[in-house]
Amino acid sequence: MPDDTPLLTIRGLTVAFAGVPALRGVDLDIHAGESLGLVGESGCGKSVTWLAALGLLPATAAVRGSVTLEGQELLGAPPARLDAVRGGRVAMIFQDPSSALNPVRRVGAQVAEALALHRGMRGAAARAEVLRLFDQVGIPDAARRIDAWPHEMSGGQNQRVMIAIALAGRPEILVADEPTTALDATIQAQILDLLRRLQAETGMALVLISHDLGVVADMCRRVGVMYAGRVVEMAESDALFAHPAHPYTRGLLAALPDLLGPRRRLASIPGAVPEPWNLPPGCPFAPRCAEAIAACSAAEPALAETAPDPGSPSHRAACIRVAAPTPTPHLVLA
C-alpha cells in the first residue's frame, strides 16, 4: 500500500441519540503504522467516534457517514464482516479493564476466545499462543497467570490482558481508549512503553485517546483536537504543540504546568463543553473563547488550512482566525 493511501478513512461521521447530535461530521484518516492522538474534554466525542466506526453503538443510535477500511465500507456492513474486522483488523482497548473483562472466566480463556475467533486456534496451540502473548505484554509468571481470574490480578496486569486480547487477532489498527486512566503513574509509564514497543514490533497503527497532552505529545506523530462532536484542529504533533491555531487548543495547553522556567498561575478555560441539545449558534466554543467576535456566532467555521508551519505538511483548524497560528510560550511536557 502506498504511504499516502489511508488504511482507514472516516468521512462525515455523524451520530445522534434520540435526535440529539453527539458527533457532527468527523473526518479522519489513519495510515498504516502511524500514531494518531485524539484529545479534548470529556463529552467531545472521542470514544463515540470509534464506537460508531466499529459498529459498537446501540441500535438506538443514528449513525451516518462513511467508514472505509482499504475501500471496504464498514457502516451498515453485515455482522459477519464486522466480526472479522473488529478484533481482527481493528482492535480496541477500553479504559476500564475491570469492567471489560468477564469476571467469571479465567483470563487465559478470554484471550483464547479471541484466538479461536480470529485465527482459528484451539486446544494446545491456543494455550501456547496465549502464553506467548502474555510474555509479549510483560505479564510475569505467565504459565501460572493464564488460569487466574480477573479479580486475582492487579489493574495493570488486567490492562495487559486486555492488550493481549487486542493483539490476538494481529490487528492493523489498535485503538487505545484512555488505556492508563485507572492506573498509578509507574504502571501508566509501563503500559505506554509497552504500547510503543508493540507498535514498533508489529507495525500496527495506533490511535491513542487521552486527556493527557503530555502522553499524546510523547506517543503520537499526529494529533486531532475534538470539541463538541467535531475535530477542531489537526496537525503534526510538533507543530500543534509549538503553534496551536485554535483558541481551544491554546486553552488546553495553557492549563498545563510548565516543568521549566518561572512558576506561573495556570489558566483555565471558563465554562464547560455545551450539552449536545443546547449548542450555541455558530462556533460552539465561542461562549468560552476570550478571542470571540460577533462573526463567531454567525456560522460554524469549517476545518481549514492555517498558515504553513515549518516542517508541518498540513495544519488545519476550525476557526475564522486560522490564518496565523499563535506560538505558545516555552512549554515542556512530561
C-alpha atoms as a PDB file:
ATOM      1  CA  MET A   1       0.000   0.000   0.000  1.00  0.00           C
ATOM      2  CA  PRO A   2       1.399   3.455  -0.886  1.00  0.00           C
ATOM      3  CA  ASP A   3       2.406   5.506   2.148  1.00  0.00           C
ATOM      4  CA  ASP A   4      -0.003   8.316   1.244  1.00  0.00           C
ATOM      5  CA  THR A   5      -3.022   5.996   0.999  1.00  0.00           C
ATOM      6  CA  PRO A   6      -5.014   5.867   4.257  1.00  0.00           C
ATOM      7  CA  LEU A   7      -5.614   2.444   5.731  1.00  0.00           C
ATOM      8  CA  LEU A   8      -8.874   3.622   7.307  1.00  0.00           C
ATOM      9  CA  THR A   9     -10.905   6.662   6.291  1.00  0.00           C
ATOM     10  CA  ILE A  10     -13.757   8.321   8.192  1.00  0.00           C
ATOM     11  CA  ARG A  11     -15.840  10.880   6.317  1.00  0.00           C
ATOM     12  CA  GLY A  12     -18.792  12.944   7.519  1.00  0.00           C
ATOM     13  CA  LEU A  13     -19.427  10.689  10.514  1.00  0.00           C
ATOM     14  CA  THR A  14     -22.468  11.795  12.498  1.00  0.00           C
ATOM     15  CA  VAL A  15     -24.126  10.137  15.490  1.00  0.00           C
ATOM     16  CA  ALA A  16     -27.397  11.125  17.153  1.00  0.00           C
ATOM     17  CA  PHE A  17     -29.114   9.655  20.202  1.00  0.00           C
ATOM     18  CA  ALA A  18     -32.877  10.267  20.256  1.00  0.00           C
ATOM     19  CA  GLY A  19     -32.362  13.056  17.730  1.00  0.00           C
ATOM     20  CA  VAL A  20     -29.640  14.758  19.796  1.00  0.00           C
ATOM     21  CA  PRO A  21     -26.330  15.038  17.883  1.00  0.00           C
ATOM     22  CA  ALA A  22     -23.268  13.555  19.574  1.00  0.00           C
ATOM     23  CA  LEU A  23     -20.985  13.681  16.512  1.00  0.00           C
ATOM     24  CA  ARG A  24     -21.420  16.375  13.880  1.00  0.00           C
ATOM     25  CA  GLY A  25     -19.296  15.422  10.890  1.00  0.00           C
ATOM     26  CA  VAL A  26     -15.990  13.813  11.863  1.00  0.00           C
ATOM     27  CA  ASP A  27     -13.317  13.301   9.190  1.00  0.00           C
ATOM     28  CA  LEU A  28     -10.208  11.235   9.989  1.00  0.00           C
ATOM     29  CA  ASP A  29      -7.534   9.347   8.061  1.00  0.00           C
ATOM     30  CA  ILE A  30      -5.414   6.595   9.618  1.00  0.00           C
ATOM     31  CA  HIS A  31      -2.311   5.471   7.737  1.00  0.00           C
ATOM     32  CA  ALA A  32      -0.534   2.150   8.180  1.00  0.00           C
ATOM     33  CA  GLY A  33       1.963   2.219  11.025  1.00  0.00           C
ATOM     34  CA  GLU A  34       1.246   5.779  12.152  1.00  0.00           C
ATOM     35  CA  SER A  35       0.290   7.058  15.599  1.00  0.00           C
ATOM     36  CA  LEU A  36      -2.643   9.451  15.982  1.00  0.00           C
ATOM     37  CA  GLY A  37      -3.711  11.087  19.223  1.00  0.00           C
ATOM     38  CA  LEU A  38      -7.232  12.358  19.934  1.00  0.00           C
ATOM     39  CA  VAL A  39      -7.588  14.862  22.766  1.00  0.00           C
ATOM     40  CA  GLY A  40     -10.315  17.018  24.241  1.00  0.00           C
ATOM     41  CA  GLU A  41     -12.500  17.297  27.306  1.00  0.00           C
ATOM     42  CA  SER A  42     -14.953  14.569  28.276  1.00  0.00           C
ATOM     43  CA  GLY A  43     -18.072  14.664  26.127  1.00  0.00           C
ATOM     44  CA  CYS A  44     -16.347  15.903  22.977  1.00  0.00           C
ATOM     45  CA  GLY A  45     -16.937  12.656  21.049  1.00  0.00           C
ATOM     46  CA  LYS A  46     -13.536  10.935  21.065  1.00  0.00           C
ATOM     47  CA  SER A  47     -14.716   7.498  22.194  1.00  0.00           C
ATOM     48  CA  VAL A  48     -18.065   7.706  20.389  1.00  0.00           C
ATOM     49  CA  THR A  49     -16.198   8.230  17.110  1.00  0.00           C
ATOM     50  CA  TRP A  50     -14.563   4.807  17.333  1.00  0.00           C
ATOM     51  CA  LEU A  51     -17.529   3.014  18.848  1.00  0.00           C
ATOM     52  CA  ALA A  52     -19.571   4.262  15.876  1.00  0.00           C
ATOM     53  CA  ALA A  53     -16.847   3.379  13.353  1.00  0.00           C
ATOM     54  CA  LEU A  54     -16.727  -0.213  14.631  1.00  0.00           C
ATOM     55  CA  GLY A  55     -20.487  -0.640  14.918  1.00  0.00           C
ATOM     56  CA  LEU A  56     -20.440  -0.909  18.721  1.00  0.00           C
ATOM     57  CA  LEU A  57     -23.144   1.646  19.489  1.00  0.00           C
ATOM     58  CA  PRO A  58     -26.669   0.506  20.430  1.00  0.00           C
ATOM     59  CA  ALA A  59     -29.289   0.180  17.715  1.00  0.00           C
ATOM     60  CA  THR A  60     -30.981   3.339  19.032  1.00  0.00           C
ATOM     61  CA  ALA A  61     -28.038   5.438  17.780  1.00  0.00           C
ATOM     62  CA  ALA A  62     -28.499   7.026  14.356  1.00  0.00           C
ATOM     63  CA  VAL A  63     -25.134   6.727  12.597  1.00  0.00           C
ATOM     64  CA  ARG A  64     -24.482   8.370   9.224  1.00  0.00           C
ATOM     65  CA  GLY A  65     -21.435   8.948   7.065  1.00  0.00           C
ATOM     66  CA  SER A  66     -18.740   6.627   5.768  1.00  0.00           C
ATOM     67  CA  VAL A  67     -16.048   4.464   7.399  1.00  0.00           C
ATOM     68  CA  THR A  68     -13.893   2.537   4.939  1.00  0.00           C
ATOM     69  CA  LEU A  69     -11.062   0.101   5.643  1.00  0.00           C
ATOM     70  CA  GLU A  70      -8.959  -0.205   2.485  1.00  0.00           C
ATOM     71  CA  GLY A  71     -12.044   0.747   0.480  1.00  0.00           C
ATOM     72  CA  GLN A  72     -14.372  -1.648   2.332  1.00  0.00           C
ATOM     73  CA  GLU A  73     -17.378   0.172   3.832  1.00  0.00           C
ATOM     74  CA  LEU A  74     -17.953  -0.696   7.493  1.00  0.00           C
ATOM     75  CA  LEU A  75     -21.041   1.374   8.324  1.00  0.00           C
ATOM     76  CA  GLY A  76     -24.066  -0.811   7.745  1.00  0.00           C
ATOM     77  CA  ALA A  77     -21.899  -3.822   6.911  1.00  0.00           C
ATOM     78  CA  PRO A  78     -23.265  -7.315   7.668  1.00  0.00           C
ATOM     79  CA  PRO A  79     -22.450  -8.645  11.157  1.00  0.00           C
ATOM     80  CA  ALA A  80     -20.203 -11.361   9.747  1.00  0.00           C
ATOM     81  CA  ARG A  81     -17.996  -8.776   8.017  1.00  0.00           C
ATOM     82  CA  LEU A  82     -17.839  -6.592  11.135  1.00  0.00           C
ATOM     83  CA  ASP A  83     -16.954  -9.594  13.294  1.00  0.00           C
ATOM     84  CA  ALA A  84     -13.966 -10.250  11.048  1.00  0.00           C
ATOM     85  CA  VAL A  85     -12.826  -6.623  11.279  1.00  0.00           C
ATOM     86  CA  ARG A  86     -13.413  -5.986  14.980  1.00  0.00           C
ATOM     87  CA  GLY A  87     -10.604  -7.536  16.953  1.00  0.00           C
ATOM     88  CA  GLY A  88      -9.073  -8.803  13.730  1.00  0.00           C
ATOM     89  CA  ARG A  89      -8.001  -5.876  11.589  1.00  0.00           C
ATOM     90  CA  VAL A  90      -9.043  -3.170  14.071  1.00  0.00           C
ATOM     91  CA  ALA A  91      -8.814  -3.818  17.816  1.00  0.00           C
ATOM     92  CA  MET A  92      -9.852  -1.572  20.701  1.00  0.00           C
ATOM     93  CA  ILE A  93      -8.570  -1.379  24.274  1.00  0.00           C
ATOM     94  CA  PHE A  94     -11.136   0.077  26.657  1.00  0.00           C
ATOM     95  CA  GLN A  95     -10.243   2.344  29.543  1.00  0.00           C
ATOM     96  CA  ASP A  96     -11.563   0.157  32.382  1.00  0.00           C
ATOM     97  CA  PRO A  97     -10.269  -3.430  32.189  1.00  0.00           C
ATOM     98  CA  SER A  98     -12.175  -4.408  35.331  1.00  0.00           C
ATOM     99  CA  SER A  99     -15.465  -3.892  33.500  1.00  0.00           C
ATOM    100  CA  ALA A 100     -14.264  -5.047  30.066  1.00  0.00           C
ATOM    101  CA  LEU A 101     -13.052  -8.455  31.250  1.00  0.00           C
ATOM    102  CA  ASN A 102     -15.573 -11.179  32.081  1.00  0.00           C
ATOM    103  CA  PRO A 103     -15.275 -11.710  35.880  1.00  0.00           C
ATOM    104  CA  VAL A 104     -16.434 -15.364  35.733  1.00  0.00           C
ATOM    105  CA  ARG A 105     -13.965 -16.558  33.073  1.00  0.00           C
ATOM    106  CA  ARG A 106     -10.249 -17.123  33.527  1.00  0.00           C
ATOM    107  CA  VAL A 107      -8.080 -14.562  31.769  1.00  0.00           C
ATOM    108  CA  GLY A 108      -6.335 -17.147  29.595  1.00  0.00           C
ATOM    109  CA  ALA A 109      -9.680 -18.443  28.332  1.00  0.00           C
ATOM    110  CA  GLN A 110     -10.692 -14.914  27.345  1.00  0.00           C
ATOM    111  CA  VAL A 111      -7.549 -14.484  25.254  1.00  0.00           C
ATOM    112  CA  ALA A 112      -8.040 -17.967  23.771  1.00  0.00           C
ATOM    113  CA  GLU A 113     -11.566 -16.981  22.731  1.00  0.00           C
ATOM    114  CA  ALA A 114     -10.131 -14.160  20.608  1.00  0.00           C
ATOM    115  CA  LEU A 115      -7.611 -16.565  19.096  1.00  0.00           C
ATOM    116  CA  ALA A 116     -10.366 -19.014  18.158  1.00  0.00           C
ATOM    117  CA  LEU A 117     -12.478 -16.286  16.600  1.00  0.00           C
ATOM    118  CA  HIS A 118      -9.822 -14.514  14.554  1.00  0.00           C
ATOM    119  CA  ARG A 119      -7.149 -17.139  13.907  1.00  0.00           C
ATOM    120  CA  GLY A 120      -8.966 -20.462  14.317  1.00  0.00           C
ATOM    121  CA  MET A 121      -6.618 -21.608  17.074  1.00  0.00           C
ATOM    122  CA  ARG A 122      -7.847 -24.042  19.739  1.00  0.00           C
ATOM    123  CA  GLY A 123      -6.555 -26.514  22.304  1.00  0.00           C
ATOM    124  CA  ALA A 124      -2.828 -26.790  22.967  1.00  0.00           C
ATOM    125  CA  ALA A 125      -1.922 -24.434  20.116  1.00  0.00           C
ATOM    126  CA  ALA A 126      -4.170 -21.708  21.532  1.00  0.00           C
ATOM    127  CA  ARG A 127      -2.779 -22.177  25.044  1.00  0.00           C
ATOM    128  CA  ALA A 128       0.786 -21.895  23.740  1.00  0.00           C
ATOM    129  CA  GLU A 129      -0.125 -18.700  21.872  1.00  0.00           C
ATOM    130  CA  VAL A 130      -1.770 -17.248  24.997  1.00  0.00           C
ATOM    131  CA  LEU A 131       1.461 -17.871  26.911  1.00  0.00           C
ATOM    132  CA  ARG A 132       3.435 -16.162  24.135  1.00  0.00           C
ATOM    133  CA  LEU A 133       1.097 -13.156  24.184  1.00  0.00           C
ATOM    134  CA  PHE A 134       1.318 -12.931  27.986  1.00  0.00           C
ATOM    135  CA  ASP A 135       5.103 -12.911  27.703  1.00  0.00           C
ATOM    136  CA  GLN A 136       4.924 -10.307  24.932  1.00  0.00           C
ATOM    137  CA  VAL A 137       2.835  -7.914  27.028  1.00  0.00           C
ATOM    138  CA  GLY A 138       5.004  -8.432  30.099  1.00  0.00           C
ATOM    139  CA  ILE A 139       2.766 -10.478  32.420  1.00  0.00           C
ATOM    140  CA  PRO A 140       5.133 -12.180  34.905  1.00  0.00           C
ATOM    141  CA  ASP A 141       4.869 -15.916  35.572  1.00  0.00           C
ATOM    142  CA  ALA A 142       2.603 -16.370  32.534  1.00  0.00           C
ATOM    143  CA  ALA A 143       2.247 -20.146  32.986  1.00  0.00           C
ATOM    144  CA  ARG A 144       0.550 -19.579  36.343  1.00  0.00           C
ATOM    145  CA  ARG A 145      -1.331 -16.419  35.454  1.00  0.00           C
ATOM    146  CA  ILE A 146      -3.005 -17.977  32.436  1.00  0.00           C
ATOM    147  CA  ASP A 147      -5.503 -19.736  34.730  1.00  0.00           C
ATOM    148  CA  ALA A 148      -6.079 -16.752  37.056  1.00  0.00           C
ATOM    149  CA  TRP A 149      -9.376 -14.925  37.485  1.00  0.00           C
ATOM    150  CA  PRO A 150      -9.543 -11.182  36.733  1.00  0.00           C
ATOM    151  CA  HIS A 151     -10.047 -10.353  40.422  1.00  0.00           C
ATOM    152  CA  GLU A 152      -6.792 -12.113  41.292  1.00  0.00           C
ATOM    153  CA  MET A 153      -4.767  -9.722  39.144  1.00  0.00           C
ATOM    154  CA  SER A 154      -3.850  -6.062  39.622  1.00  0.00           C
ATOM    155  CA  GLY A 155      -5.242  -3.268  37.474  1.00  0.00           C
ATOM    156  CA  GLY A 156      -2.020  -3.061  35.480  1.00  0.00           C
ATOM    157  CA  GLN A 157      -1.984  -6.811  34.849  1.00  0.00           C
ATOM    158  CA  ASN A 158      -5.627  -6.776  33.751  1.00  0.00           C
ATOM    159  CA  GLN A 159      -4.806  -3.971  31.331  1.00  0.00           C
ATOM    160  CA  ARG A 160      -2.012  -6.132  29.923  1.00  0.00           C
ATOM    161  CA  VAL A 161      -4.536  -8.952  29.499  1.00  0.00           C
ATOM    162  CA  MET A 162      -6.745  -6.533  27.551  1.00  0.00           C
ATOM    163  CA  ILE A 163      -3.787  -5.664  25.332  1.00  0.00           C
ATOM    164  CA  ALA A 164      -3.087  -9.376  24.806  1.00  0.00           C
ATOM    165  CA  ILE A 165      -6.713  -9.888  23.720  1.00  0.00           C
ATOM    166  CA  ALA A 166      -6.357  -6.975  21.306  1.00  0.00           C
ATOM    167  CA  LEU A 167      -3.122  -8.403  19.873  1.00  0.00           C
ATOM    168  CA  ALA A 168      -4.575 -11.895  19.489  1.00  0.00           C
ATOM    169  CA  GLY A 169      -6.108 -11.021  16.123  1.00  0.00           C
ATOM    170  CA  ARG A 170      -2.898  -9.370  14.825  1.00  0.00           C
ATOM    171  CA  PRO A 171      -4.649  -6.028  14.209  1.00  0.00           C
ATOM    172  CA  GLU A 172      -3.518  -3.446  11.702  1.00  0.00           C
ATOM    173  CA  ILE A 173      -5.015  -0.657  13.835  1.00  0.00           C
ATOM    174  CA  LEU A 174      -5.084  -0.562  17.640  1.00  0.00           C
ATOM    175  CA  VAL A 175      -7.420   1.977  19.252  1.00  0.00           C
ATOM    176  CA  ALA A 176      -6.428   2.626  22.872  1.00  0.00           C
ATOM    177  CA  ASP A 177      -9.204   4.479  24.701  1.00  0.00           C
ATOM    178  CA  GLU A 178      -7.686   6.051  27.831  1.00  0.00           C
ATOM    179  CA  PRO A 179      -5.669   2.873  28.478  1.00  0.00           C
ATOM    180  CA  THR A 180      -3.980   4.207  31.633  1.00  0.00           C
ATOM    181  CA  THR A 181      -6.798   6.160  33.326  1.00  0.00           C
ATOM    182  CA  ALA A 182      -7.216   3.878  36.353  1.00  0.00           C
ATOM    183  CA  LEU A 183      -3.504   3.127  36.823  1.00  0.00           C
ATOM    184  CA  ASP A 184      -0.877   4.773  39.007  1.00  0.00           C
ATOM    185  CA  ALA A 185       1.949   6.761  37.436  1.00  0.00           C
ATOM    186  CA  THR A 186       4.505   3.949  37.458  1.00  0.00           C
ATOM    187  CA  ILE A 187       2.181   1.379  35.849  1.00  0.00           C
ATOM    188  CA  GLN A 188       0.955   4.032  33.413  1.00  0.00           C
ATOM    189  CA  ALA A 189       4.504   4.552  32.172  1.00  0.00           C
ATOM    190  CA  GLN A 190       4.977   0.792  31.790  1.00  0.00           C
ATOM    191  CA  ILE A 191       1.773   0.403  29.743  1.00  0.00           C
ATOM    192  CA  LEU A 192       2.704   3.314  27.461  1.00  0.00           C
ATOM    193  CA  ASP A 193       6.196   1.901  26.945  1.00  0.00           C
ATOM    194  CA  LEU A 194       4.583  -1.444  26.140  1.00  0.00           C
ATOM    195  CA  LEU A 195       2.293   0.117  23.525  1.00  0.00           C
ATOM    196  CA  ARG A 196       5.233   1.943  21.966  1.00  0.00           C
ATOM    197  CA  ARG A 197       7.284  -1.260  21.808  1.00  0.00           C
ATOM    198  CA  LEU A 198       4.418  -3.324  20.400  1.00  0.00           C
ATOM    199  CA  GLN A 199       3.779  -0.768  17.682  1.00  0.00           C
ATOM    200  CA  ALA A 200       7.438  -0.848  16.686  1.00  0.00           C
ATOM    201  CA  GLU A 201       7.484  -4.663  16.659  1.00  0.00           C
ATOM    202  CA  THR A 202       4.213  -5.250  14.804  1.00  0.00           C
ATOM    203  CA  GLY A 203       3.999  -2.169  12.556  1.00  0.00           C
ATOM    204  CA  MET A 204       0.365  -1.560  13.519  1.00  0.00           C
ATOM    205  CA  ALA A 205      -1.210   1.891  13.539  1.00  0.00           C
ATOM    206  CA  LEU A 206      -2.025   3.303  16.979  1.00  0.00           C
ATOM    207  CA  VAL A 207      -4.921   5.610  17.827  1.00  0.00           C
ATOM    208  CA  LEU A 208      -4.494   6.958  21.355  1.00  0.00           C
ATOM    209  CA  ILE A 209      -7.496   8.627  23.002  1.00  0.00           C
ATOM    210  CA  SER A 210      -6.343  10.564  26.043  1.00  0.00           C
ATOM    211  CA  HIS A 211      -6.855  13.599  28.255  1.00  0.00           C
ATOM    212  CA  ASP A 212      -3.124  13.698  28.951  1.00  0.00           C
ATOM    213  CA  LEU A 213      -1.500  16.058  26.457  1.00  0.00           C
ATOM    214  CA  GLY A 214       1.966  15.101  27.656  1.00  0.00           C
ATOM    215  CA  VAL A 215       1.338  11.441  26.858  1.00  0.00           C
ATOM    216  CA  VAL A 216      -0.029  12.320  23.409  1.00  0.00           C
ATOM    217  CA  ALA A 217       2.934  14.598  22.657  1.00  0.00           C
ATOM    218  CA  ASP A 218       5.317  11.764  23.539  1.00  0.00           C
ATOM    219  CA  MET A 219       3.458   8.920  21.802  1.00  0.00           C
ATOM    220  CA  CYS A 220       1.818  10.353  18.676  1.00  0.00           C
ATOM    221  CA  ARG A 221       3.035  11.777  15.372  1.00  0.00           C
ATOM    222  CA  ARG A 222      -0.286  13.485  14.586  1.00  0.00           C
ATOM    223  CA  VAL A 223      -2.846  14.978  16.959  1.00  0.00           C
ATOM    224  CA  GLY A 224      -6.527  15.760  16.488  1.00  0.00           C
ATOM    225  CA  VAL A 225      -8.313  18.044  18.944  1.00  0.00           C
ATOM    226  CA  MET A 226     -12.047  17.406  19.324  1.00  0.00           C
ATOM    227  CA  TYR A 227     -14.694  19.739  20.700  1.00  0.00           C
ATOM    228  CA  ALA A 228     -18.487  19.402  20.778  1.00  0.00           C
ATOM    229  CA  GLY A 229     -18.559  16.432  18.397  1.00  0.00           C
ATOM    230  CA  ARG A 230     -16.134  17.761  15.777  1.00  0.00           C
ATOM    231  CA  VAL A 231     -12.429  17.840  15.040  1.00  0.00           C
ATOM    232  CA  VAL A 232     -11.431  21.490  15.535  1.00  0.00           C
ATOM    233  CA  GLU A 233      -7.691  21.135  14.904  1.00  0.00           C
ATOM    234  CA  MET A 234      -5.467  18.546  13.229  1.00  0.00           C
ATOM    235  CA  ALA A 235      -1.701  18.786  12.804  1.00  0.00           C
ATOM    236  CA  GLU A 236       1.621  17.094  13.241  1.00  0.00           C
ATOM    237  CA  SER A 237       2.373  16.779  16.943  1.00  0.00           C
ATOM    238  CA  ASP A 238       5.372  19.132  16.965  1.00  0.00           C
ATOM    239  CA  ALA A 239       3.523  21.799  15.008  1.00  0.00           C
ATOM    240  CA  LEU A 240       0.377  21.613  17.125  1.00  0.00           C
ATOM    241  CA  PHE A 241       2.201  21.978  20.431  1.00  0.00           C
ATOM    242  CA  ALA A 242       4.533  24.706  19.133  1.00  0.00           C
ATOM    243  CA  HIS A 243       1.958  26.679  17.102  1.00  0.00           C
ATOM    244  CA  PRO A 244      -1.623  25.856  18.176  1.00  0.00           C
ATOM    245  CA  ALA A 245      -4.071  27.555  15.818  1.00  0.00           C
ATOM    246  CA  HIS A 246      -7.414  27.068  17.596  1.00  0.00           C
ATOM    247  CA  PRO A 247      -8.189  29.009  20.809  1.00  0.00           C
ATOM    248  CA  TYR A 248      -9.467  25.788  22.404  1.00  0.00           C
ATOM    249  CA  THR A 249      -6.119  24.059  21.828  1.00  0.00           C
ATOM    250  CA  ARG A 250      -4.299  27.073  23.258  1.00  0.00           C
ATOM    251  CA  GLY A 251      -6.590  26.933  26.280  1.00  0.00           C
ATOM    252  CA  LEU A 252      -5.796  23.257  26.866  1.00  0.00           C
ATOM    253  CA  LEU A 253      -2.065  23.942  26.669  1.00  0.00           C
ATOM    254  CA  ALA A 254      -2.301  26.994  28.942  1.00  0.00           C
ATOM    255  CA  ALA A 255      -3.836  24.801  31.635  1.00  0.00           C
ATOM    256  CA  LEU A 256      -0.713  22.616  31.780  1.00  0.00           C
ATOM    257  CA  PRO A 257       2.059  23.310  34.298  1.00  0.00           C
ATOM    258  CA  ASP A 258       5.443  24.154  32.787  1.00  0.00           C
ATOM    259  CA  LEU A 259       8.274  21.985  34.075  1.00  0.00           C
ATOM    260  CA  LEU A 260      10.901  24.632  33.271  1.00  0.00           C
ATOM    261  CA  GLY A 261      11.081  28.357  33.864  1.00  0.00           C
ATOM    262  CA  PRO A 262       9.371  30.505  36.483  1.00  0.00           C
ATOM    263  CA  ARG A 263       6.236  29.339  38.239  1.00  0.00           C
ATOM    264  CA  ARG A 264       3.043  30.814  36.836  1.00  0.00           C
ATOM    265  CA  ARG A 265      -0.647  30.696  37.555  1.00  0.00           C
ATOM    266  CA  LEU A 266      -2.383  28.136  35.358  1.00  0.00           C
ATOM    267  CA  ALA A 267      -5.051  29.492  33.060  1.00  0.00           C
ATOM    268  CA  SER A 268      -8.354  27.618  32.940  1.00  0.00           C
ATOM    269  CA  ILE A 269     -10.965  27.615  30.199  1.00  0.00           C
ATOM    270  CA  PRO A 270     -14.158  29.136  31.626  1.00  0.00           C
ATOM    271  CA  GLY A 271     -17.429  27.230  31.430  1.00  0.00           C
ATOM    272  CA  ALA A 272     -17.915  23.691  30.164  1.00  0.00           C
ATOM    273  CA  VAL A 273     -18.445  21.799  26.930  1.00  0.00           C
ATOM    274  CA  PRO A 274     -22.002  22.639  25.779  1.00  0.00           C
ATOM    275  CA  GLU A 275     -24.610  19.918  26.032  1.00  0.00           C
ATOM    276  CA  PRO A 276     -25.404  18.400  22.615  1.00  0.00           C
ATOM    277  CA  TRP A 277     -29.030  19.538  22.824  1.00  0.00           C
ATOM    278  CA  ASN A 278     -28.051  23.109  23.678  1.00  0.00           C
ATOM    279  CA  LEU A 279     -25.311  24.046  21.216  1.00  0.00           C
ATOM    280  CA  PRO A 280     -24.802  27.794  20.745  1.00  0.00           C
ATOM    281  CA  PRO A 281     -25.159  29.325  17.265  1.00  0.00           C
ATOM    282  CA  GLY A 282     -22.033  29.482  15.147  1.00  0.00           C
ATOM    283  CA  CYS A 283     -18.809  28.243  16.689  1.00  0.00           C
ATOM    284  CA  PRO A 284     -19.670  26.070  19.719  1.00  0.00           C
ATOM    285  CA  PHE A 285     -16.532  27.281  21.521  1.00  0.00           C
ATOM    286  CA  ALA A 286     -17.372  30.971  21.119  1.00  0.00           C
ATOM    287  CA  PRO A 287     -19.103  31.394  24.546  1.00  0.00           C
ATOM    288  CA  ARG A 288     -15.900  30.196  26.266  1.00  0.00           C
ATOM    289  CA  CYS A 289     -13.430  31.921  23.934  1.00  0.00           C
ATOM    290  CA  ALA A 290     -11.617  35.101  25.016  1.00  0.00           C
ATOM    291  CA  GLU A 291     -10.936  35.900  21.347  1.00  0.00           C
ATOM    292  CA  ALA A 292     -14.547  35.564  20.127  1.00  0.00           C
ATOM    293  CA  ILE A 293     -16.022  38.303  17.941  1.00  0.00           C
ATOM    294  CA  ALA A 294     -19.513  38.814  16.544  1.00  0.00           C
ATOM    295  CA  ALA A 295     -18.726  36.814  13.400  1.00  0.00           C
ATOM    296  CA  CYS A 296     -18.042  33.719  15.515  1.00  0.00           C
ATOM    297  CA  SER A 297     -21.760  33.388  16.270  1.00  0.00           C
ATOM    298  CA  ALA A 298     -22.845  33.817  12.653  1.00  0.00           C
ATOM    299  CA  ALA A 299     -21.711  30.437  11.284  1.00  0.00           C
ATOM    300  CA  GLU A 300     -19.664  27.442  12.381  1.00  0.00           C
ATOM    301  CA  PRO A 301     -16.238  27.568  10.699  1.00  0.00           C
ATOM    302  CA  ALA A 302     -15.042  24.630   8.643  1.00  0.00           C
ATOM    303  CA  LEU A 303     -11.735  22.866   9.204  1.00  0.00           C
ATOM    304  CA  ALA A 304      -9.328  24.841   7.018  1.00  0.00           C
ATOM    305  CA  GLU A 305      -5.594  25.064   6.382  1.00  0.00           C
ATOM    306  CA  THR A 306      -3.661  27.523   8.527  1.00  0.00           C
ATOM    307  CA  ALA A 307      -0.619  29.500   7.504  1.00  0.00           C
ATOM    308  CA  PRO A 308       2.182  26.995   6.807  1.00  0.00           C
ATOM    309  CA  ASP A 309       4.223  25.879   9.801  1.00  0.00           C
ATOM    310  CA  PRO A 310       7.886  24.961   9.337  1.00  0.00           C
ATOM    311  CA  GLY A 311       8.183  21.214   8.904  1.00  0.00           C
ATOM    312  CA  SER A 312       4.413  20.601   9.044  1.00  0.00           C
ATOM    313  CA  PRO A 313       2.838  19.351   5.791  1.00  0.00           C
ATOM    314  CA  SER A 314      -0.717  20.045   6.979  1.00  0.00           C
ATOM    315  CA  HIS A 315      -2.162  22.072   9.832  1.00  0.00           C
ATOM    316  CA  ARG A 316      -5.927  22.602   9.867  1.00  0.00           C
ATOM    317  CA  ALA A 317      -8.168  24.376  12.339  1.00  0.00           C
ATOM    318  CA  ALA A 318     -11.865  25.256  12.533  1.00  0.00           C
ATOM    319  CA  CYS A 319     -11.545  28.928  13.452  1.00  0.00           C
ATOM    320  CA  ILE A 320     -12.142  32.116  11.479  1.00  0.00           C
ATOM    321  CA  ARG A 321      -8.682  33.277  12.547  1.00  0.00           C
ATOM    322  CA  VAL A 322      -6.725  30.285  11.251  1.00  0.00           C
ATOM    323  CA  ALA A 323      -4.543  32.409   9.003  1.00  0.00           C
ATOM    324  CA  ALA A 324      -1.900  32.848  11.709  1.00  0.00           C
ATOM    325  CA  PRO A 325      -1.173  30.040  14.194  1.00  0.00           C
ATOM    326  CA  THR A 326      -0.114  31.506  17.529  1.00  0.00           C
ATOM    327  CA  PRO A 327       3.202  30.376  19.055  1.00  0.00           C
ATOM    328  CA  THR A 328       2.936  29.162  22.626  1.00  0.00           C
ATOM    329  CA  PRO A 329       5.327  30.115  25.422  1.00  0.00           C
ATOM    330  CA  HIS A 330       8.142  27.675  26.088  1.00  0.00           C
ATOM    331  CA  LEU A 331       6.416  24.551  27.341  1.00  0.00           C
ATOM    332  CA  VAL A 332       7.905  21.234  28.425  1.00  0.00           C
ATOM    333  CA  LEU A 333       5.506  18.300  28.707  1.00  0.00           C
ATOM    334  CA  ALA A 334       6.246  15.360  30.953  1.00  0.00           C
END
